[in-house]
Amino acid sequence: MSKANVLSFHRNTYFHAMHQYSSLKSVQSEIKEGKIQLVELVEGYLQRIEEKKHLNAFVEVYADEAKLRAAEIQKKIINGNAGKLAGMILGIKDLICYKDHNISAGSKILENYNSIFSSTVVERILAEDAIIIGRQNCDEFAMGGSNENSYFGPVKNDADNTKVPGGSSGGSAVAVQADLCMASLGTDTGGSVRQPAAFCGVVGLKPTYGRVSRHGIIAYASSFDQVGPITKSVEDAALLLEVIAGHDDHDSTCSTAPVPAYSQQLSFTGKKRIAYLPETLNSDGLDPEIKAITENTIKRLIEEGHEVEPISFPYLDYVVPTYYILTMAESSSNLARYDGVHYGYRSQNAVDLESTYKKSRSEGFGDEVKRRILLGTFVLSAGHYDAFYGKAQKVRRLIREKTDEILENHDFILLPTTPGPAFGIGEKTDDPVVMYLADIFTVQASLAGIPAISLPVAISKSNLPLGIQFIGKRFGEAELLAFSKYVLNVTKKEVV
């Protein structure tokens, strides 16, 4: 074998073995030991992205930029002055602004729009030497639970290409699942980080509302949206949250509470008191395998000495309608700015101001976005505001108060992440209500504004990932992350 062929063989072997990197710590260790070069690692991910392009996880890949940045950060690692995220190669959801890079929110109406500034979360991860390898496909304006609503086409689940990856951060979750990057930043409005994390067998964290700045995040529903990490390990989720969290003058809803060193507080000791909601296990449509893994987790935690008890949550049937009334109303307001005048898509068929508005919006938005804008406008209208929007706000308060009441006497709430495993592409697109009900277990934490995490704990008989979810106290991410790491250690992934 020639020298060139030997080098090619070793390079291909190295790329093939990349799936072994399940955390940033292992990558940083091998870089410091000289076993790998950061540029080679980036090239490996770029090769994987090309090999797996049929998954449609990325809308755009920053190949040359990522390699140049890798070379710079490699020097900083050698010199000992690199940031916390040095060596982390990640992708960002196509809702997160990155200066001088295109952003489209998965929509025709923003096709080829170039961002003039970076979001706060992007500024913070770049300051700690992360490498952004590309922007990732998502449901249009984050409106969807299957990643089938993107202008750029559906994303496919790497475990089974006939299945959806979940949404709206489907591209972000699949990219981590398929080893196209080490981690991703998604956004979670009603489960858009946690649900795809469950479908793809990775870790997905939604922080407390206000824990992470929303500055530079294209808005869907402003009182719900939060940026969250999607990773292969709890350790990396903790480190990413540590970097992106904290007060930001650009976001008036961002908390001034100090940011703990989450990555340094992952040790867990003692026993916890955990609530589970019997209504979730008795819910119509709950997949038997999901029910089994939830019950197995409860049993395992009891065996470990924790107190796990059923606590009734009488509002389960109201969480989905409450969530959708409020988010559709907010989306109607937030998306009014896309009018064909200021920026983005403008219809070539427009002849005056009114037709510019009508034609640009009707041609630029997809069906699901138009549906939610119309419904949101309806519930905000003068004749229906009190009956729908006002009442939904009252129910949201009840849901929040009841959830907080449970967490006053318990450390965490345990419930499934999703009603079932990943469903088939096209299986639920004909019935929006069925699709909306897929959020039944994730929207409680969103309505209450508290942190929640999805953990990959099992594989179904059809070889699809299954997840469970824990909800924590407001700004209790440190305890939630430490417990999550412990749970993954004691509930080894099983086939149900």
Protein backbone atom coordinates (compact mmCIF):
# COMPACT_ATOMS: atom_id res chain seq x y z
CA MET A 1 0.00 0.00 0.00
CA SER A 2 1.36 3.42 -1.01
CA LYS A 3 1.99 6.14 1.54
CA ALA A 4 -0.98 8.13 0.18
CA ASN A 5 -3.25 5.12 0.48
CA VAL A 6 -2.06 4.47 4.03
CA LEU A 7 -2.87 8.07 4.98
CA SER A 8 -6.25 7.79 3.29
CA PHE A 9 -6.95 4.53 5.13
CA HIS A 10 -6.10 6.01 8.52
CA ARG A 11 -8.13 9.16 7.80
CA ASN A 12 -11.20 7.14 6.80
CA THR A 13 -10.78 4.89 9.85
CA TYR A 14 -10.57 7.97 12.06
CA PHE A 15 -13.70 9.49 10.55
CA HIS A 16 -15.57 6.22 10.92
CA ALA A 17 -14.63 6.07 14.60
CA MET A 18 -15.87 9.60 15.33
CA HIS A 19 -19.09 8.32 16.86
CA GLN A 20 -17.04 7.39 19.93
CA TYR A 21 -16.92 11.06 20.97
CA SER A 22 -19.90 11.37 23.24
CA SER A 23 -18.73 14.44 25.15
CA LEU A 24 -16.58 17.52 24.76
CA LYS A 25 -14.32 16.40 27.60
CA SER A 26 -13.10 13.37 25.64
CA VAL A 27 -12.40 15.50 22.57
CA GLN A 28 -10.48 18.12 24.54
CA SER A 29 -8.44 15.40 26.23
CA GLU A 30 -7.37 13.84 22.93
CA ILE A 31 -6.55 17.23 21.40
CA LYS A 32 -4.33 18.10 24.36
CA GLU A 33 -2.63 14.70 24.10
CA GLY A 34 -1.98 15.27 20.41
CA LYS A 35 -4.06 12.29 19.32
CA ILE A 36 -6.30 14.41 17.08
CA GLN A 37 -6.18 17.81 15.43
CA LEU A 38 -9.20 20.08 15.60
CA VAL A 39 -9.14 20.74 11.85
CA GLU A 40 -9.26 16.98 11.23
CA LEU A 41 -12.21 16.70 13.59
CA VAL A 42 -14.06 19.41 11.66
CA GLU A 43 -13.23 17.67 8.37
CA GLY A 44 -14.59 14.45 9.81
CA TYR A 45 -17.90 16.07 10.69
CA LEU A 46 -18.05 17.70 7.25
CA GLN A 47 -17.58 14.30 5.64
CA ARG A 48 -20.33 12.86 7.81
CA ILE A 49 -22.65 15.72 6.84
CA GLU A 50 -22.03 14.94 3.18
CA GLU A 51 -22.56 11.22 3.69
CA LYS A 52 -25.80 11.85 5.57
CA LYS A 53 -27.14 14.73 3.48
CA HIS A 54 -30.26 12.69 2.72
CA LEU A 55 -31.34 13.40 6.32
CA ASN A 56 -31.70 17.08 5.35
CA ALA A 57 -30.53 18.17 8.79
CA PHE A 58 -28.56 21.20 7.62
CA VAL A 59 -29.85 24.10 5.54
CA GLU A 60 -26.34 25.52 5.15
CA VAL A 61 -22.88 24.29 6.12
CA TYR A 62 -20.03 26.67 6.97
CA ALA A 63 -17.24 24.36 5.80
CA ASP A 64 -14.38 26.77 5.03
CA GLU A 65 -15.19 29.06 7.94
CA ALA A 66 -15.29 26.15 10.39
CA LYS A 67 -11.91 24.84 9.27
CA LEU A 68 -10.27 28.27 9.54
CA ARG A 69 -11.69 28.75 13.02
CA ALA A 70 -10.55 25.24 14.02
CA ALA A 71 -6.97 26.10 13.10
CA GLU A 72 -7.11 29.25 15.25
CA ILE A 73 -8.62 27.45 18.24
CA GLN A 74 -6.13 24.58 17.95
CA LYS A 75 -3.36 27.12 18.61
CA LYS A 76 -5.24 28.51 21.62
CA ILE A 77 -5.63 25.01 23.05
CA ILE A 78 -1.91 24.36 22.66
CA ASN A 79 -1.11 27.72 24.27
CA GLY A 80 -3.47 27.02 27.15
CA ASN A 81 -5.72 30.04 26.66
CA ALA A 82 -8.73 28.46 24.97
CA GLY A 83 -12.32 28.97 26.11
CA LYS A 84 -14.66 26.52 27.83
CA LEU A 85 -16.13 25.28 24.55
CA ALA A 86 -12.86 24.85 22.64
CA GLY A 87 -13.21 21.74 20.52
CA MET A 88 -17.01 21.77 20.50
CA ILE A 89 -18.36 21.69 16.96
CA LEU A 90 -22.03 22.54 16.96
CA GLY A 91 -24.90 23.63 14.77
CA ILE A 92 -27.53 26.30 15.36
CA LYS A 93 -31.22 26.14 14.53
CA ASP A 94 -32.31 28.27 11.60
CA LEU A 95 -33.99 30.67 14.03
CA ILE A 96 -30.82 31.89 15.72
CA CYS A 97 -29.18 34.99 14.23
CA TYR A 98 -25.50 34.84 13.30
CA LYS A 99 -24.02 38.05 11.92
CA ASP A 100 -23.25 38.03 8.17
CA HIS A 101 -24.88 34.62 7.78
CA ASN A 102 -28.23 33.80 6.21
CA ILE A 103 -31.20 33.00 8.41
CA SER A 104 -34.62 32.00 7.13
CA ALA A 105 -36.60 30.40 10.00
CA GLY A 106 -37.34 27.55 7.61
CA SER A 107 -39.52 29.92 5.57
CA LYS A 108 -39.71 31.21 2.01
CA ILE A 109 -40.59 34.63 3.36
CA LEU A 110 -37.04 35.02 4.76
CA GLU A 111 -35.19 33.15 2.01
CA ASN A 112 -31.65 34.54 1.54
CA TYR A 113 -32.06 37.07 4.36
CA ASN A 114 -28.64 37.93 5.81
CA SER A 115 -28.50 38.72 9.51
CA ILE A 116 -26.95 42.06 10.43
CA PHE A 117 -26.15 41.02 14.01
CA SER A 118 -25.57 37.94 16.14
CA SER A 119 -27.87 36.67 18.85
CA THR A 120 -26.60 36.84 22.40
CA VAL A 121 -26.29 33.04 22.59
CA VAL A 122 -24.12 32.98 19.45
CA GLU A 123 -21.90 35.73 20.80
CA ARG A 124 -21.45 33.81 24.05
CA ILE A 125 -20.58 30.44 22.51
CA LEU A 126 -18.14 32.06 20.07
CA ALA A 127 -16.49 33.91 22.96
CA GLU A 128 -15.81 30.51 24.53
CA ASP A 129 -14.31 29.15 21.27
CA ALA A 130 -17.10 26.95 19.98
CA ILE A 131 -17.12 26.23 16.25
CA ILE A 132 -20.42 26.70 14.43
CA ILE A 133 -20.49 24.25 11.55
CA GLY A 134 -23.82 25.27 10.04
CA ARG A 135 -27.47 26.22 10.45
CA GLN A 136 -30.00 23.46 10.88
CA ASN A 137 -33.38 22.74 9.35
CA CYS A 138 -36.52 23.35 11.40
CA ASP A 139 -40.26 23.68 11.09
CA GLU A 140 -41.18 27.06 9.62
CA PHE A 141 -40.99 29.69 12.37
CA ALA A 142 -40.76 26.78 14.86
CA MET A 143 -44.38 25.86 14.18
CA GLY A 144 -44.53 22.08 14.11
CA GLY A 145 -43.80 18.87 15.93
CA SER A 146 -42.38 16.80 13.07
CA ASN A 147 -40.05 19.01 11.00
CA GLU A 148 -42.31 18.49 7.99
CA ASN A 149 -43.29 22.16 7.75
CA SER A 150 -39.93 23.49 6.57
CA TYR A 151 -39.64 25.34 3.25
CA PHE A 152 -36.46 23.27 2.76
CA GLY A 153 -38.28 19.95 3.03
CA PRO A 154 -38.70 17.42 5.85
CA VAL A 155 -35.87 16.12 8.01
CA LYS A 156 -35.52 12.35 8.39
CA ASN A 157 -34.83 10.42 11.56
CA ASP A 158 -31.45 8.66 11.40
CA ALA A 159 -32.81 5.63 13.28
CA ASP A 160 -35.41 5.08 10.55
CA ASN A 161 -35.53 7.33 7.51
CA THR A 162 -39.28 6.78 7.12
CA LYS A 163 -39.88 8.42 10.52
CA VAL A 164 -39.96 12.06 11.56
CA PRO A 165 -37.27 13.43 13.90
CA GLY A 166 -39.73 15.54 15.86
CA GLY A 167 -39.93 19.28 15.76
CA SER A 168 -39.50 22.02 15.54
CA SER A 169 -35.77 21.54 16.27
CA GLY A 170 -35.69 18.34 14.21
CA GLY A 171 -32.60 19.18 12.19
CA SER A 172 -30.73 20.09 15.37
CA ALA A 173 -31.62 16.79 17.07
CA VAL A 174 -30.86 14.61 14.04
CA ALA A 175 -27.50 16.32 13.57
CA VAL A 176 -26.45 15.22 17.07
CA GLN A 177 -28.07 11.79 16.67
CA ALA A 178 -26.24 11.10 13.38
CA ASP A 179 -22.87 12.50 14.53
CA LEU A 180 -22.99 15.43 12.15
CA CYS A 181 -21.92 17.69 15.00
CA MET A 182 -21.22 17.34 18.70
CA ALA A 183 -24.12 19.48 19.95
CA SER A 184 -26.82 21.85 18.75
CA LEU A 185 -28.65 24.90 19.97
CA GLY A 186 -32.39 24.63 19.40
CA THR A 187 -35.38 26.58 20.65
CA ASP A 188 -38.19 25.23 22.80
CA THR A 189 -41.60 26.92 22.78
CA GLY A 190 -43.81 23.98 23.77
CA GLY A 191 -41.42 21.05 23.51
CA SER A 192 -39.38 21.83 20.40
CA VAL A 193 -36.11 20.76 22.01
CA ARG A 194 -37.41 17.94 24.21
CA GLN A 195 -39.70 16.14 21.75
CA PRO A 196 -37.09 15.79 18.95
CA ALA A 197 -34.50 14.83 21.57
CA ALA A 198 -36.77 11.97 22.63
CA PHE A 199 -37.42 10.88 19.04
CA CYS A 200 -33.70 10.94 18.25
CA GLY A 201 -32.26 9.43 21.43
CA VAL A 202 -30.33 12.46 22.70
CA VAL A 203 -30.50 14.87 25.66
CA GLY A 204 -32.69 17.95 25.26
CA LEU A 205 -32.99 20.70 27.88
CA LYS A 206 -35.51 23.55 28.09
CA PRO A 207 -34.29 26.10 30.65
CA THR A 208 -36.46 28.24 32.90
CA TYR A 209 -38.12 31.06 30.98
CA GLY A 210 -35.78 34.04 31.28
CA ARG A 211 -32.69 31.97 32.06
CA VAL A 212 -31.33 32.45 28.50
CA SER A 213 -31.55 35.62 26.43
CA ARG A 214 -33.98 35.63 23.49
CA HIS A 215 -32.15 38.53 21.81
CA GLY A 216 -31.49 37.58 18.19
CA ILE A 217 -33.91 34.65 18.22
CA ILE A 218 -36.66 34.89 15.60
CA ALA A 219 -39.81 34.98 17.70
CA TYR A 220 -42.71 32.55 17.55
CA ALA A 221 -44.38 33.09 20.96
CA SER A 222 -42.46 35.56 23.08
CA SER A 223 -43.75 34.46 26.49
CA PHE A 224 -42.71 30.85 25.81
CA ASP A 225 -39.59 30.76 23.58
CA GLN A 226 -36.32 29.59 25.13
CA VAL A 227 -33.01 28.49 23.64
CA GLY A 228 -31.89 25.08 24.84
CA PRO A 229 -29.00 22.67 24.19
CA ILE A 230 -29.31 19.31 22.44
CA THR A 231 -26.39 17.03 23.27
CA LYS A 232 -25.27 13.45 23.72
CA SER A 233 -24.44 13.91 27.39
CA VAL A 234 -25.81 15.77 30.39
CA GLU A 235 -22.31 17.12 30.96
CA ASP A 236 -22.30 18.94 27.62
CA ALA A 237 -25.83 20.25 28.18
CA ALA A 238 -24.71 21.66 31.54
CA LEU A 239 -21.64 23.31 30.03
CA LEU A 240 -23.58 24.87 27.16
CA LEU A 241 -26.23 26.22 29.53
CA GLU A 242 -23.50 27.63 31.75
CA VAL A 243 -22.16 29.58 28.75
CA ILE A 244 -25.40 30.84 27.20
CA ALA A 245 -27.35 31.63 30.40
CA GLY A 246 -27.36 34.93 32.24
CA HIS A 247 -28.63 38.48 32.18
CA ASP A 248 -28.70 40.39 28.93
CA ASP A 249 -29.56 44.09 28.60
CA HIS A 250 -31.01 43.40 25.16
CA ASP A 251 -33.77 41.18 26.60
CA SER A 252 -35.98 42.71 29.29
CA THR A 253 -37.43 39.27 30.17
CA CYS A 254 -33.98 37.83 30.89
CA SER A 255 -33.36 37.11 34.57
CA THR A 256 -30.66 38.83 36.59
CA ALA A 257 -30.26 35.75 38.80
CA PRO A 258 -26.64 34.53 39.04
CA VAL A 259 -25.66 31.65 36.75
CA PRO A 260 -24.34 28.62 38.66
CA ALA A 261 -21.35 26.68 37.38
CA TYR A 262 -23.65 23.92 36.14
CA SER A 263 -20.84 21.80 34.72
CA GLN A 264 -19.13 21.74 38.12
CA GLN A 265 -22.26 20.79 40.06
CA LEU A 266 -23.16 17.44 38.53
CA SER A 267 -22.38 15.29 41.57
CA PHE A 268 -25.51 13.78 43.06
CA THR A 269 -26.04 12.46 46.57
CA GLY A 270 -28.99 11.83 48.81
CA LYS A 271 -32.56 10.82 48.09
CA LYS A 272 -35.18 12.79 46.26
CA ARG A 273 -38.92 13.12 46.41
CA ILE A 274 -40.40 12.72 42.94
CA ALA A 275 -43.98 13.15 41.75
CA TYR A 276 -45.47 11.43 38.76
CA LEU A 277 -48.81 12.28 37.22
CA PRO A 278 -51.12 9.26 36.99
CA GLU A 279 -53.17 11.12 34.37
CA THR A 280 -50.22 10.88 32.00
CA LEU A 281 -49.92 7.10 32.37
CA ASN A 282 -53.67 6.67 31.92
CA SER A 283 -53.83 9.08 29.02
CA ASP A 284 -55.64 7.94 25.89
CA GLY A 285 -53.22 7.19 23.10
CA LEU A 286 -50.18 6.59 25.31
CA ASP A 287 -48.00 4.03 23.59
CA PRO A 288 -47.57 0.81 25.67
CA GLU A 289 -43.79 0.97 25.32
CA ILE A 290 -43.69 4.57 26.57
CA LYS A 291 -45.89 3.57 29.50
CA ALA A 292 -43.58 0.64 30.24
CA ILE A 293 -40.38 2.70 30.31
CA THR A 294 -42.02 5.32 32.53
CA GLU A 295 -43.21 2.66 34.96
CA ASN A 296 -39.78 0.96 34.83
CA THR A 297 -38.12 4.28 35.67
CA ILE A 298 -40.47 4.78 38.61
CA LYS A 299 -39.71 1.26 39.84
CA ARG A 300 -35.96 1.74 39.48
CA LEU A 301 -35.98 5.03 41.37
CA ILE A 302 -37.96 3.45 44.20
CA GLU A 303 -35.41 0.62 44.32
CA GLU A 304 -32.70 3.27 44.63
CA GLY A 305 -34.41 4.61 47.74
CA HIS A 306 -36.16 7.66 46.33
CA GLU A 307 -39.73 8.53 47.24
CA VAL A 308 -41.85 8.41 44.10
CA GLU A 309 -45.57 9.05 44.47
CA PRO A 310 -48.59 9.76 42.27
CA ILE A 311 -49.89 13.33 42.43
CA SER A 312 -53.02 14.22 40.52
CA PHE A 313 -52.80 16.97 37.94
CA PRO A 314 -56.40 17.78 36.96
CA TYR A 315 -55.54 20.15 34.11
CA LEU A 316 -53.89 17.71 31.70
CA ASP A 317 -56.78 17.95 29.22
CA TYR A 318 -56.45 21.73 29.17
CA VAL A 319 -52.71 22.15 28.58
CA VAL A 320 -52.76 21.67 24.81
CA PRO A 321 -55.71 23.98 24.00
CA THR A 322 -54.38 26.61 26.42
CA TYR A 323 -50.93 26.44 24.90
CA TYR A 324 -52.12 26.70 21.30
CA ILE A 325 -54.55 29.56 21.94
CA LEU A 326 -51.80 31.62 23.57
CA THR A 327 -48.98 30.78 21.17
CA MET A 328 -51.14 31.31 18.09
CA ALA A 329 -52.17 34.71 19.43
CA GLU A 330 -48.55 35.66 20.03
CA SER A 331 -47.48 34.36 16.62
CA SER A 332 -50.17 36.48 14.95
CA SER A 333 -48.57 39.52 16.55
CA ASN A 334 -44.93 38.51 16.04
CA LEU A 335 -45.30 37.56 12.39
CA ALA A 336 -47.11 40.76 11.41
CA ARG A 337 -43.70 42.28 10.63
CA TYR A 338 -43.21 40.00 7.62
CA ASP A 339 -45.23 42.09 5.19
CA GLY A 340 -43.22 42.20 1.97
CA VAL A 341 -42.24 45.83 2.59
CA HIS A 342 -39.42 46.00 5.11
CA TYR A 343 -37.38 42.89 4.28
CA GLY A 344 -37.73 39.32 3.12
CA TYR A 345 -39.88 37.95 0.32
CA ARG A 346 -41.95 40.34 -1.80
CA SER A 347 -44.43 39.00 -4.33
CA GLN A 348 -43.71 39.78 -7.96
CA ASN A 349 -47.46 39.85 -8.53
CA ALA A 350 -48.12 42.80 -6.23
CA VAL A 351 -49.38 46.03 -7.84
CA ASP A 352 -50.06 48.25 -4.83
CA LEU A 353 -49.52 48.37 -1.05
CA GLU A 354 -52.51 46.18 -0.16
CA SER A 355 -51.67 43.50 -2.73
CA THR A 356 -48.03 43.61 -1.55
CA TYR A 357 -49.18 42.67 1.95
CA LYS A 358 -51.67 40.04 0.86
CA LYS A 359 -49.69 38.33 -1.89
CA SER A 360 -46.30 38.44 -0.14
CA ARG A 361 -47.69 36.87 3.01
CA SER A 362 -49.92 34.31 1.28
CA GLU A 363 -47.08 33.23 -1.04
CA GLY A 364 -44.28 33.51 1.51
CA PHE A 365 -45.78 31.63 4.46
CA GLY A 366 -46.49 27.89 4.50
CA ASP A 367 -49.86 26.37 5.31
CA GLU A 368 -49.21 25.68 9.00
CA VAL A 369 -47.91 29.19 9.66
CA LYS A 370 -50.92 30.72 7.89
CA ARG A 371 -53.24 28.48 9.90
CA ARG A 372 -51.75 29.66 13.19
CA ILE A 373 -51.73 33.33 12.19
CA LEU A 374 -55.41 33.12 11.22
CA LEU A 375 -56.41 31.33 14.41
CA GLY A 376 -54.30 33.70 16.50
CA THR A 377 -55.88 36.72 14.88
CA PHE A 378 -59.31 35.20 15.51
CA VAL A 379 -58.76 34.65 19.25
CA LEU A 380 -57.45 38.21 19.60
CA SER A 381 -60.39 39.74 17.77
CA ALA A 382 -62.77 42.04 19.67
CA GLY A 383 -65.64 39.59 19.74
CA HIS A 384 -63.62 36.59 20.92
CA TYR A 385 -60.75 37.99 23.03
CA ASP A 386 -62.31 37.34 26.43
CA ALA A 387 -63.80 33.97 25.48
CA PHE A 388 -60.53 32.56 24.19
CA TYR A 389 -57.36 34.56 24.88
CA GLY A 390 -58.44 35.97 28.23
CA LYS A 391 -59.72 32.62 29.45
CA ALA A 392 -56.55 30.84 28.27
CA GLN A 393 -54.43 33.26 30.30
CA LYS A 394 -56.48 32.41 33.40
CA VAL A 395 -56.06 28.68 32.79
CA ARG A 396 -52.33 29.18 32.26
CA ARG A 397 -52.17 30.73 35.72
CA LEU A 398 -53.99 27.73 37.21
CA ILE A 399 -51.60 25.32 35.47
CA ARG A 400 -48.60 27.26 36.70
CA GLU A 401 -49.89 27.46 40.27
CA LYS A 402 -50.74 23.75 40.43
CA THR A 403 -47.34 22.79 38.98
CA ASP A 404 -45.55 25.06 41.46
CA GLU A 405 -47.64 23.55 44.27
CA ILE A 406 -46.48 20.04 43.32
CA LEU A 407 -42.86 21.21 43.21
CA GLU A 408 -43.13 22.83 46.65
CA ASN A 409 -43.35 19.34 48.12
CA HIS A 410 -41.32 17.43 45.51
CA ASP A 411 -37.95 17.89 43.88
CA PHE A 412 -39.01 16.82 40.39
CA ILE A 413 -41.98 15.74 38.31
CA LEU A 414 -41.54 12.64 36.15
CA LEU A 415 -43.61 12.12 33.02
CA PRO A 416 -43.18 10.80 29.46
CA THR A 417 -41.70 13.19 26.92
CA THR A 418 -43.97 12.04 24.11
CA PRO A 419 -47.10 9.86 23.79
CA GLY A 420 -45.25 7.47 21.49
CA PRO A 421 -42.06 6.91 19.49
CA ALA A 422 -41.32 8.76 16.26
CA PHE A 423 -44.19 8.45 13.82
CA GLY A 424 -44.07 8.09 10.05
CA ILE A 425 -43.43 10.99 7.70
CA GLY A 426 -46.81 12.15 6.43
CA GLU A 427 -48.69 10.11 9.03
CA LYS A 428 -50.23 13.06 10.90
CA THR A 429 -50.09 15.92 8.41
CA ASP A 430 -53.75 15.60 7.40
CA ASP A 431 -55.07 16.25 10.91
CA PRO A 432 -53.55 19.27 12.71
CA VAL A 433 -55.33 18.42 15.98
CA VAL A 434 -53.70 14.97 16.12
CA MET A 435 -50.35 16.62 15.47
CA TYR A 436 -50.95 19.20 18.22
CA LEU A 437 -51.79 16.46 20.74
CA ALA A 438 -48.24 15.13 20.35
CA ASP A 439 -47.25 18.03 22.65
CA ILE A 440 -49.50 16.91 25.51
CA PHE A 441 -46.62 16.06 27.89
CA THR A 442 -44.19 18.87 27.01
CA VAL A 443 -46.37 21.98 27.19
CA GLN A 444 -46.95 21.87 30.95
CA ALA A 445 -43.40 23.02 31.70
CA SER A 446 -43.67 25.65 28.95
CA LEU A 447 -46.91 27.07 30.33
CA ALA A 448 -45.40 27.13 33.83
CA GLY A 449 -42.12 28.64 32.58
CA ILE A 450 -39.94 26.11 34.41
CA PRO A 451 -37.05 23.86 33.33
CA ALA A 452 -37.54 20.41 31.86
CA ILE A 453 -35.25 17.83 30.31
CA SER A 454 -35.75 14.81 28.06
CA LEU A 455 -33.45 11.85 28.63
CA PRO A 456 -32.84 8.92 26.27
CA VAL A 457 -33.53 5.84 28.38
CA ALA A 458 -34.70 3.09 26.03
CA ILE A 459 -34.97 1.67 22.54
CA SER A 460 -38.32 0.39 21.27
CA LYS A 461 -38.83 -3.07 19.77
CA SER A 462 -38.81 -1.39 16.36
CA ASN A 463 -35.40 0.15 17.19
CA LEU A 464 -36.65 3.68 17.79
CA PRO A 465 -35.37 5.86 20.65
CA LEU A 466 -37.65 6.47 23.64
CA GLY A 467 -37.32 9.23 26.21
CA ILE A 468 -38.62 10.29 29.59
CA GLN A 469 -38.92 13.78 30.99
CA PHE A 470 -38.19 15.44 34.30
CA ILE A 471 -39.51 18.87 35.28
CA GLY A 472 -37.62 20.88 37.87
CA LYS A 473 -38.15 23.91 40.08
CA ARG A 474 -37.89 27.44 38.68
CA PHE A 475 -34.19 28.20 38.11
CA GLY A 476 -33.40 24.75 39.47
CA GLU A 477 -31.37 23.65 36.46
CA ALA A 478 -28.34 22.71 38.57
CA GLU A 479 -30.31 20.15 40.58
CA LEU A 480 -32.19 18.94 37.48
CA LEU A 481 -28.98 18.36 35.53
CA ALA A 482 -27.22 16.56 38.39
CA PHE A 483 -30.22 14.29 38.91
CA SER A 484 -30.49 13.67 35.16
CA LYS A 485 -26.89 12.47 35.01
CA TYR A 486 -27.63 10.14 37.91
CA VAL A 487 -30.81 8.82 36.25
CA LEU A 488 -28.96 7.95 33.05
CA ASN A 489 -26.41 6.03 35.10
CA VAL A 490 -28.92 3.97 37.06
CA THR A 491 -31.45 3.39 34.28
CA LYS A 492 -29.27 1.90 31.59
CA LYS A 493 -30.75 2.14 28.12
CA GLU A 494 -32.86 -0.91 27.51
CA VAL A 495 -34.94 -2.53 24.79
CA VAL A 496 -38.57 -2.64 25.91
